[in-house]
C-alpha atoms as a PDB file:
ATOM      1  CA  UNK A   1     -14.211 -50.853  33.314  1.00  0.00           C
ATOM      2  CA  UNK A   2     -13.469 -47.482  31.732  1.00  0.00           C
ATOM      3  CA  UNK A   3     -11.112 -47.132  28.785  1.00  0.00           C
ATOM      4  CA  UNK A   4     -10.376 -44.287  26.432  1.00  0.00           C
ATOM      5  CA  UNK A   5      -7.963 -42.553  24.092  1.00  0.00           C
ATOM      6  CA  UNK A   6      -7.087 -38.894  23.663  1.00  0.00           C
ATOM      7  CA  UNK A   7      -5.050 -37.308  20.865  1.00  0.00           C
ATOM      8  CA  UNK A   8      -4.127 -33.650  21.140  1.00  0.00           C
ATOM      9  CA  UNK A   9      -1.686 -31.047  19.917  1.00  0.00           C
ATOM     10  CA  UNK A  10       0.511 -29.247  22.434  1.00  0.00           C
ATOM     11  CA  UNK A  11       2.954 -26.358  22.450  1.00  0.00           C
ATOM     12  CA  UNK A  12       6.601 -26.922  21.577  1.00  0.00           C
ATOM     13  CA  UNK A  13       7.504 -27.685  25.232  1.00  0.00           C
ATOM     14  CA  UNK A  14       6.508 -31.355  25.068  1.00  0.00           C
ATOM     15  CA  UNK A  15       8.581 -32.442  28.070  1.00  0.00           C
ATOM     16  CA  UNK A  16       7.010 -29.725  30.190  1.00  0.00           C
ATOM     17  CA  UNK A  17       3.521 -30.870  29.190  1.00  0.00           C
ATOM     18  CA  UNK A  18       4.344 -34.499  30.024  1.00  0.00           C
ATOM     19  CA  UNK A  19       5.613 -33.472  33.450  1.00  0.00           C
ATOM     20  CA  UNK A  20       2.497 -31.422  34.210  1.00  0.00           C
ATOM     21  CA  UNK A  21       0.272 -34.269  33.021  1.00  0.00           C
ATOM     22  CA  UNK A  22       2.046 -36.772  35.282  1.00  0.00           C
ATOM     23  CA  UNK A  23       1.684 -34.399  38.218  1.00  0.00           C
ATOM     24  CA  UNK A  24      -2.029 -33.889  37.530  1.00  0.00           C
ATOM     25  CA  UNK A  25      -2.758 -37.621  37.261  1.00  0.00           C
ATOM     26  CA  UNK A  26      -0.752 -38.381  40.409  1.00  0.00           C
ATOM     27  CA  UNK A  27      -2.730 -35.731  42.251  1.00  0.00           C
ATOM     28  CA  UNK A  28      -5.929 -37.572  41.352  1.00  0.00           C
ATOM     29  CA  UNK A  29      -4.588 -40.871  42.676  1.00  0.00           C
ATOM     30  CA  UNK A  30      -3.552 -42.291  39.312  1.00  0.00           C
ATOM     31  CA  UNK A  31      -0.221 -43.260  37.801  1.00  0.00           C
ATOM     32  CA  UNK A  32       1.649 -43.761  34.506  1.00  0.00           C
ATOM     33  CA  UNK A  33       1.726 -47.392  33.363  1.00  0.00           C
ATOM     34  CA  UNK A  34       3.536 -46.944  30.029  1.00  0.00           C
ATOM     35  CA  UNK A  35       5.223 -44.188  28.041  1.00  0.00           C
ATOM     36  CA  UNK A  36       6.861 -43.778  24.626  1.00  0.00           C
ATOM     37  CA  UNK A  37       8.476 -40.652  23.184  1.00  0.00           C
ATOM     38  CA  UNK A  38      10.058 -40.112  19.773  1.00  0.00           C
ATOM     39  CA  UNK A  39      10.687 -37.557  17.039  1.00  0.00           C
ATOM     40  CA  UNK A  40      13.104 -34.757  16.223  1.00  0.00           C
ATOM     41  CA  UNK A  41      13.194 -31.043  16.919  1.00  0.00           C
ATOM     42  CA  UNK A  42      10.792 -30.402  14.041  1.00  0.00           C
ATOM     43  CA  UNK A  43       8.364 -33.233  14.843  1.00  0.00           C
ATOM     44  CA  UNK A  44       7.887 -34.435  18.426  1.00  0.00           C
ATOM     45  CA  UNK A  45       5.508 -37.169  19.572  1.00  0.00           C
ATOM     46  CA  UNK A  46       4.730 -38.943  22.834  1.00  0.00           C
ATOM     47  CA  UNK A  47       2.292 -41.677  23.835  1.00  0.00           C
ATOM     48  CA  UNK A  48       1.472 -42.201  27.506  1.00  0.00           C
ATOM     49  CA  UNK A  49      -0.901 -44.685  29.159  1.00  0.00           C
ATOM     50  CA  UNK A  50      -2.437 -43.586  32.448  1.00  0.00           C
ATOM     51  CA  UNK A  51      -4.285 -45.630  35.080  1.00  0.00           C
ATOM     52  CA  UNK A  52      -6.911 -43.373  36.616  1.00  0.00           C
ATOM     53  CA  UNK A  53      -9.269 -44.001  39.565  1.00  0.00           C
ATOM     54  CA  UNK A  54     -12.745 -44.587  38.135  1.00  0.00           C
ATOM     55  CA  UNK A  55     -14.220 -41.961  40.445  1.00  0.00           C
ATOM     56  CA  UNK A  56     -11.802 -39.303  39.078  1.00  0.00           C
ATOM     57  CA  UNK A  57     -12.055 -40.210  35.396  1.00  0.00           C
ATOM     58  CA  UNK A  58     -13.821 -37.042  34.275  1.00  0.00           C
ATOM     59  CA  UNK A  59     -11.517 -34.860  36.375  1.00  0.00           C
ATOM     60  CA  UNK A  60      -8.502 -36.465  34.712  1.00  0.00           C
ATOM     61  CA  UNK A  61      -9.873 -35.824  31.225  1.00  0.00           C
ATOM     62  CA  UNK A  62     -10.507 -32.168  32.059  1.00  0.00           C
ATOM     63  CA  UNK A  63      -6.984 -31.755  33.433  1.00  0.00           C
ATOM     64  CA  UNK A  64      -5.353 -33.334  30.386  1.00  0.00           C
ATOM     65  CA  UNK A  65      -7.446 -31.393  27.868  1.00  0.00           C
ATOM     66  CA  UNK A  66      -6.347 -28.149  29.521  1.00  0.00           C
ATOM     67  CA  UNK A  67      -2.702 -28.987  28.737  1.00  0.00           C
ATOM     68  CA  UNK A  68      -3.231 -29.165  24.968  1.00  0.00           C
ATOM     69  CA  UNK A  69      -3.696 -26.439  22.402  1.00  0.00           C
ATOM     70  CA  UNK A  70      -6.184 -28.527  20.401  1.00  0.00           C
ATOM     71  CA  UNK A  71      -7.947 -31.864  20.906  1.00  0.00           C
ATOM     72  CA  UNK A  72      -7.643 -33.861  17.686  1.00  0.00           C
ATOM     73  CA  UNK A  73      -9.563 -36.975  18.734  1.00  0.00           C
ATOM     74  CA  UNK A  74     -11.218 -38.319  21.880  1.00  0.00           C
ATOM     75  CA  UNK A  75     -12.892 -41.676  22.502  1.00  0.00           C
ATOM     76  CA  UNK A  76     -14.142 -43.257  25.729  1.00  0.00           C
ATOM     77  CA  UNK A  77     -15.889 -46.501  26.590  1.00  0.00           C
ATOM     78  CA  UNK A  78     -17.280 -48.185  29.701  1.00  0.00           C
ATOM     79  CA  UNK A  79     -17.997 -51.884  30.259  1.00  0.00           C
ATOM     80  CA  UNK A  80     -19.996 -53.137  33.232  1.00  0.00           C
ATOM     81  CA  UNK A  81     -18.187 -56.003  35.022  1.00  0.00           C
ATOM     82  CA  UNK A  82     -20.051 -56.101  38.332  1.00  0.00           C
ATOM     83  CA  UNK A  83     -21.930 -59.237  37.291  1.00  0.00           C
ATOM     84  CA  UNK A  84     -18.704 -61.022  36.358  1.00  0.00           C
ATOM     85  CA  UNK A  85     -17.104 -60.120  39.691  1.00  0.00           C
ATOM     86  CA  UNK A  86     -20.117 -61.423  41.626  1.00  0.00           C
ATOM     87  CA  UNK A  87     -20.183 -64.638  39.581  1.00  0.00           C
ATOM     88  CA  UNK A  88     -16.500 -65.259  40.252  1.00  0.00           C
ATOM     89  CA  UNK A  89     -17.061 -64.608  43.949  1.00  0.00           C
ATOM     90  CA  UNK A  90     -19.848 -67.193  44.096  1.00  0.00           C
ATOM     91  CA  UNK A  91     -17.745 -69.813  42.295  1.00  0.00           C
ATOM     92  CA  UNK A  92     -14.834 -69.181  44.640  1.00  0.00           C
ATOM     93  CA  UNK A  93     -17.068 -69.637  47.688  1.00  0.00           C
ATOM     94  CA  UNK A  94     -18.363 -72.964  46.346  1.00  0.00           C
ATOM     95  CA  UNK A  95     -14.835 -74.187  45.706  1.00  0.00           C
ATOM     96  CA  UNK A  96     -13.756 -73.098  49.175  1.00  0.00           C
ATOM     97  CA  UNK A  97     -16.650 -75.107  50.629  1.00  0.00           C
ATOM     98  CA  UNK A  98     -15.475 -78.133  48.628  1.00  0.00           C
ATOM     99  CA  UNK A  99     -11.952 -77.539  49.919  1.00  0.00           C
ATOM    100  CA  UNK A 100     -13.146 -77.653  53.529  1.00  0.00           C
ATOM    101  CA  UNK A 101     -15.090 -80.856  52.874  1.00  0.00           C
ATOM    102  CA  UNK A 102     -12.077 -82.518  51.291  1.00  0.00           C
ATOM    103  CA  UNK A 103      -9.899 -81.474  54.213  1.00  0.00           C
ATOM    104  CA  UNK A 104     -12.384 -83.093  56.602  1.00  0.00           C
ATOM    105  CA  UNK A 105     -12.432 -86.286  54.541  1.00  0.00           C
ATOM    106  CA  UNK A 106      -8.645 -86.400  54.449  1.00  0.00           C
ATOM    107  CA  UNK A 107      -8.500 -86.049  58.209  1.00  0.00           C
ATOM    108  CA  UNK A 108     -10.622 -89.201  58.554  1.00  0.00           C
ATOM    109  CA  UNK A 109      -9.014 -91.233  55.756  1.00  0.00           C
ATOM    110  CA  UNK A 110      -6.979 -94.207  56.906  1.00  0.00           C
ATOM    111  CA  UNK A 111      -6.088 -95.960  53.668  1.00  0.00           C
ATOM    112  CA  UNK A 112      -3.266 -94.678  51.493  1.00  0.00           C
ATOM    113  CA  UNK A 113      -5.243 -94.915  48.194  1.00  0.00           C
ATOM    114  CA  UNK A 114      -8.040 -92.869  49.758  1.00  0.00           C
ATOM    115  CA  UNK A 115      -5.581 -90.274  51.041  1.00  0.00           C
ATOM    116  CA  UNK A 116      -3.918 -89.965  47.628  1.00  0.00           C
ATOM    117  CA  UNK A 117      -7.255 -89.588  45.838  1.00  0.00           C
ATOM    118  CA  UNK A 118      -8.474 -86.904  48.235  1.00  0.00           C
ATOM    119  CA  UNK A 119      -5.112 -85.138  48.047  1.00  0.00           C
ATOM    120  CA  UNK A 120      -5.283 -85.016  44.238  1.00  0.00           C
ATOM    121  CA  UNK A 121      -8.814 -83.639  44.305  1.00  0.00           C
ATOM    122  CA  UNK A 122      -7.832 -81.085  46.949  1.00  0.00           C
ATOM    123  CA  UNK A 123      -4.896 -79.892  44.822  1.00  0.00           C
ATOM    124  CA  UNK A 124      -7.206 -79.462  41.831  1.00  0.00           C
ATOM    125  CA  UNK A 125      -9.753 -77.461  43.834  1.00  0.00           C
ATOM    126  CA  UNK A 126      -7.084 -75.195  45.268  1.00  0.00           C
ATOM    127  CA  UNK A 127      -5.714 -74.553  41.757  1.00  0.00           C
ATOM    128  CA  UNK A 128      -9.170 -73.550  40.543  1.00  0.00           C
ATOM    129  CA  UNK A 129      -9.616 -71.251  43.537  1.00  0.00           C
ATOM    130  CA  UNK A 130      -6.300 -69.552  42.819  1.00  0.00           C
ATOM    131  CA  UNK A 131      -7.141 -69.096  39.135  1.00  0.00           C
ATOM    132  CA  UNK A 132     -10.576 -67.631  39.796  1.00  0.00           C
ATOM    133  CA  UNK A 133      -9.227 -65.404  42.560  1.00  0.00           C
ATOM    134  CA  UNK A 134      -6.659 -63.990  40.130  1.00  0.00           C
ATOM    135  CA  UNK A 135      -9.387 -63.243  37.582  1.00  0.00           C
ATOM    136  CA  UNK A 136     -11.523 -61.616  40.245  1.00  0.00           C
ATOM    137  CA  UNK A 137      -8.674 -59.427  41.469  1.00  0.00           C
ATOM    138  CA  UNK A 138      -7.853 -58.393  37.901  1.00  0.00           C
ATOM    139  CA  UNK A 139     -11.447 -57.394  37.171  1.00  0.00           C
ATOM    140  CA  UNK A 140     -11.715 -55.482  40.426  1.00  0.00           C
ATOM    141  CA  UNK A 141      -8.487 -53.631  39.640  1.00  0.00           C
ATOM    142  CA  UNK A 142      -9.690 -52.865  36.118  1.00  0.00           C
ATOM    143  CA  UNK A 143     -12.956 -51.548  37.490  1.00  0.00           C
ATOM    144  CA  UNK A 144     -11.219 -49.443  40.128  1.00  0.00           C
ATOM    145  CA  UNK A 145      -8.723 -47.892  37.674  1.00  0.00           C
ATOM    146  CA  UNK A 146      -9.612 -46.891  34.131  1.00  0.00           C
ATOM    147  CA  UNK A 147      -7.042 -46.972  31.316  1.00  0.00           C
ATOM    148  CA  UNK A 148      -6.497 -43.841  29.234  1.00  0.00           C
ATOM    149  CA  UNK A 149      -4.038 -43.733  26.300  1.00  0.00           C
ATOM    150  CA  UNK A 150      -2.988 -40.173  25.440  1.00  0.00           C
ATOM    151  CA  UNK A 151      -1.052 -39.137  22.315  1.00  0.00           C
ATOM    152  CA  UNK A 152       0.752 -35.789  22.420  1.00  0.00           C
ATOM    153  CA  UNK A 153       1.765 -34.137  19.137  1.00  0.00           C
ATOM    154  CA  UNK A 154       3.764 -30.968  18.513  1.00  0.00           C
ATOM    155  CA  UNK A 155       2.340 -29.480  15.280  1.00  0.00           C
ATOM    156  CA  UNK A 156       4.750 -28.712  12.447  1.00  0.00           C
ATOM    157  CA  UNK A 157       4.635 -25.124  11.162  1.00  0.00           C
ATOM    158  CA  UNK A 158       3.717 -25.277   7.475  1.00  0.00           C
ATOM    159  CA  UNK A 159       5.504 -22.031   6.549  1.00  0.00           C
ATOM    160  CA  UNK A 160       8.802 -23.303   7.920  1.00  0.00           C
ATOM    161  CA  UNK A 161       8.392 -26.581   6.106  1.00  0.00           C
ATOM    162  CA  UNK A 162       7.787 -24.794   2.803  1.00  0.00           C
ATOM    163  CA  UNK A 163      10.841 -22.560   3.286  1.00  0.00           C
ATOM    164  CA  UNK A 164      13.057 -25.493   4.119  1.00  0.00           C
ATOM    165  CA  UNK A 165      11.764 -27.408   1.095  1.00  0.00           C
ATOM    166  CA  UNK A 166      12.671 -24.626  -1.445  1.00  0.00           C
ATOM    167  CA  UNK A 167      15.829 -25.214  -3.480  1.00  0.00           C
ATOM    168  CA  UNK A 168      17.414 -23.053  -6.201  1.00  0.00           C
ATOM    169  CA  UNK A 169      18.742 -26.135  -7.982  1.00  0.00           C
ATOM    170  CA  UNK A 170      15.284 -27.722  -7.929  1.00  0.00           C
ATOM    171  CA  UNK A 171      13.720 -24.575  -9.402  1.00  0.00           C
ATOM    172  CA  UNK A 172      16.373 -24.438 -12.161  1.00  0.00           C
ATOM    173  CA  UNK A 173      15.829 -28.103 -12.964  1.00  0.00           C
ATOM    174  CA  UNK A 174      12.074 -27.510 -13.134  1.00  0.00           C
ATOM    175  CA  UNK A 175      12.544 -24.513 -15.500  1.00  0.00           C
ATOM    176  CA  UNK A 176      14.888 -26.487 -17.773  1.00  0.00           C
ATOM    177  CA  UNK A 177      12.428 -29.373 -17.841  1.00  0.00           C
ATOM    178  CA  UNK A 178       9.619 -27.023 -18.889  1.00  0.00           C
ATOM    179  CA  UNK A 179      11.836 -25.505 -21.621  1.00  0.00           C
ATOM    180  CA  UNK A 180      12.687 -28.958 -22.946  1.00  0.00           C
ATOM    181  CA  UNK A 181       9.017 -29.866 -22.907  1.00  0.00           C
ATOM    182  CA  UNK A 182       8.173 -26.755 -24.974  1.00  0.00           C
ATOM    183  CA  UNK A 183      10.966 -27.642 -27.415  1.00  0.00           C
ATOM    184  CA  UNK A 184       9.582 -31.143 -27.761  1.00  0.00           C
ATOM    185  CA  UNK A 185       6.119 -29.764 -28.512  1.00  0.00           C
ATOM    186  CA  UNK A 186       7.554 -27.412 -31.165  1.00  0.00           C
ATOM    187  CA  UNK A 187       9.545 -30.227 -32.741  1.00  0.00           C
ATOM    188  CA  UNK A 188       6.442 -32.420 -32.837  1.00  0.00           C
ATOM    189  CA  UNK A 189       4.482 -29.664 -34.609  1.00  0.00           C
ATOM    190  CA  UNK A 190       7.310 -29.178 -37.151  1.00  0.00           C
ATOM    191  CA  UNK A 191       7.455 -32.899 -37.858  1.00  0.00           C
ATOM    192  CA  UNK A 192       3.704 -32.983 -38.458  1.00  0.00           C
ATOM    193  CA  UNK A 193       3.973 -30.032 -40.841  1.00  0.00           C
ATOM    194  CA  UNK A 194       6.819 -31.680 -42.767  1.00  0.00           C
ATOM    195  CA  UNK A 195       5.249 -35.120 -42.944  1.00  0.00           C
ATOM    196  CA  UNK A 196       1.712 -33.973 -43.705  1.00  0.00           C
ATOM    197  CA  UNK A 197       2.270 -30.526 -45.256  1.00  0.00           C
ATOM    198  CA  UNK A 198       4.682 -31.495 -48.068  1.00  0.00           C
ATOM    199  CA  UNK A 199       2.409 -34.166 -49.587  1.00  0.00           C
ATOM    200  CA  UNK A 200      -0.538 -31.793 -49.372  1.00  0.00           C
ATOM    201  CA  UNK A 201       1.475 -29.024 -51.062  1.00  0.00           C
ATOM    202  CA  UNK A 202       2.550 -31.419 -53.813  1.00  0.00           C
ATOM    203  CA  UNK A 203      -1.036 -32.446 -54.486  1.00  0.00           C
ATOM    204  CA  UNK A 204      -2.233 -28.834 -54.496  1.00  0.00           C
ATOM    205  CA  UNK A 205       0.681 -27.845 -56.766  1.00  0.00           C
ATOM    206  CA  UNK A 206      -0.182 -30.653 -59.154  1.00  0.00           C
ATOM    207  CA  UNK A 207      -3.782 -29.507 -59.491  1.00  0.00           C
ATOM    208  CA  UNK A 208      -2.713 -25.882 -59.933  1.00  0.00           C
ATOM    209  CA  UNK A 209      -0.267 -26.892 -62.679  1.00  0.00           C
ATOM    210  CA  UNK A 210      -2.985 -28.976 -64.298  1.00  0.00           C
ATOM    211  CA  UNK A 211      -5.369 -26.028 -64.259  1.00  0.00           C
ATOM    212  CA  UNK A 212      -2.711 -23.790 -65.810  1.00  0.00           C
ATOM    213  CA  UNK A 213      -2.082 -26.287 -68.612  1.00  0.00           C
ATOM    214  CA  UNK A 214      -5.788 -26.662 -69.272  1.00  0.00           C
ATOM    215  CA  UNK A 215      -6.275 -22.892 -69.277  1.00  0.00           C
ATOM    216  CA  UNK A 216      -3.453 -22.412 -71.764  1.00  0.00           C
ATOM    217  CA  UNK A 217      -4.804 -25.148 -74.003  1.00  0.00           C
ATOM    218  CA  UNK A 218      -8.255 -23.599 -74.022  1.00  0.00           C
ATOM    219  CA  UNK A 219      -6.787 -20.183 -74.897  1.00  0.00           C
ATOM    220  CA  UNK A 220      -4.743 -21.672 -77.732  1.00  0.00           C
ATOM    221  CA  UNK A 221      -7.778 -23.417 -79.194  1.00  0.00           C
ATOM    222  CA  UNK A 222      -9.701 -20.156 -79.198  1.00  0.00           C
ATOM    223  CA  UNK A 223      -6.938 -18.346 -81.075  1.00  0.00           C
ATOM    224  CA  UNK A 224      -6.736 -21.105 -83.674  1.00  0.00           C
ATOM    225  CA  UNK A 225     -10.492 -20.962 -84.231  1.00  0.00           C
ATOM    226  CA  UNK A 226     -10.527 -17.183 -84.583  1.00  0.00           C
ATOM    227  CA  UNK A 227      -7.681 -17.081 -87.230  1.00  0.00           C
ATOM    228  CA  UNK A 228      -9.649 -18.426 -90.344  1.00  0.00           C
ATOM    229  CA  UNK A 229     -12.482 -16.030 -89.722  1.00  0.00           C
ATOM    230  CA  UNK A 230     -10.056 -13.154 -89.994  1.00  0.00           C
END
């Protein structure tokens, strides 16, 4: 069973790419099992699930890659289920043999209790055969057709996005905010100078005044001492 996913960027004509992809897969014997498309003119997106014949898996990948401008991501996986299919086939054959035996017993049964018991067992065996046959058919179909999920993206042009995002009002608001921030910084500095600077100036002024007083006192003492000698 082959499974995989493919994510790729495409040109702006997304619908055209989807149509060409469907045509390519159909040409290989595959089909679309699910699709989802969304987005606006500026951002378009689509997700499509393809069922692809296992023998044409690589051809399908090559065809789809050629439709994109860039492959963003690609992952593939393969699981071997041949053993499971063979095991289911063997179990179905054994149950079918039991079914034939029960049918033979029922044909020879003469008592009602025996008929009812065989009938109940026969119904159970047939139910198991149907269940296993469904599982076998599902595995065979999964093995015959791989599942590939493809995501298509139309890239957004960055330059256009930037131009559309510019606003005169936004720029003015940003400039005013920066001016206010500068004013706040200046006010903070002024507050610090007032709160811290004034006490410092008072202390310095006090010491200067003290030095002046001391200097004057020393000068006066010297003049008093020099007067008697004269």
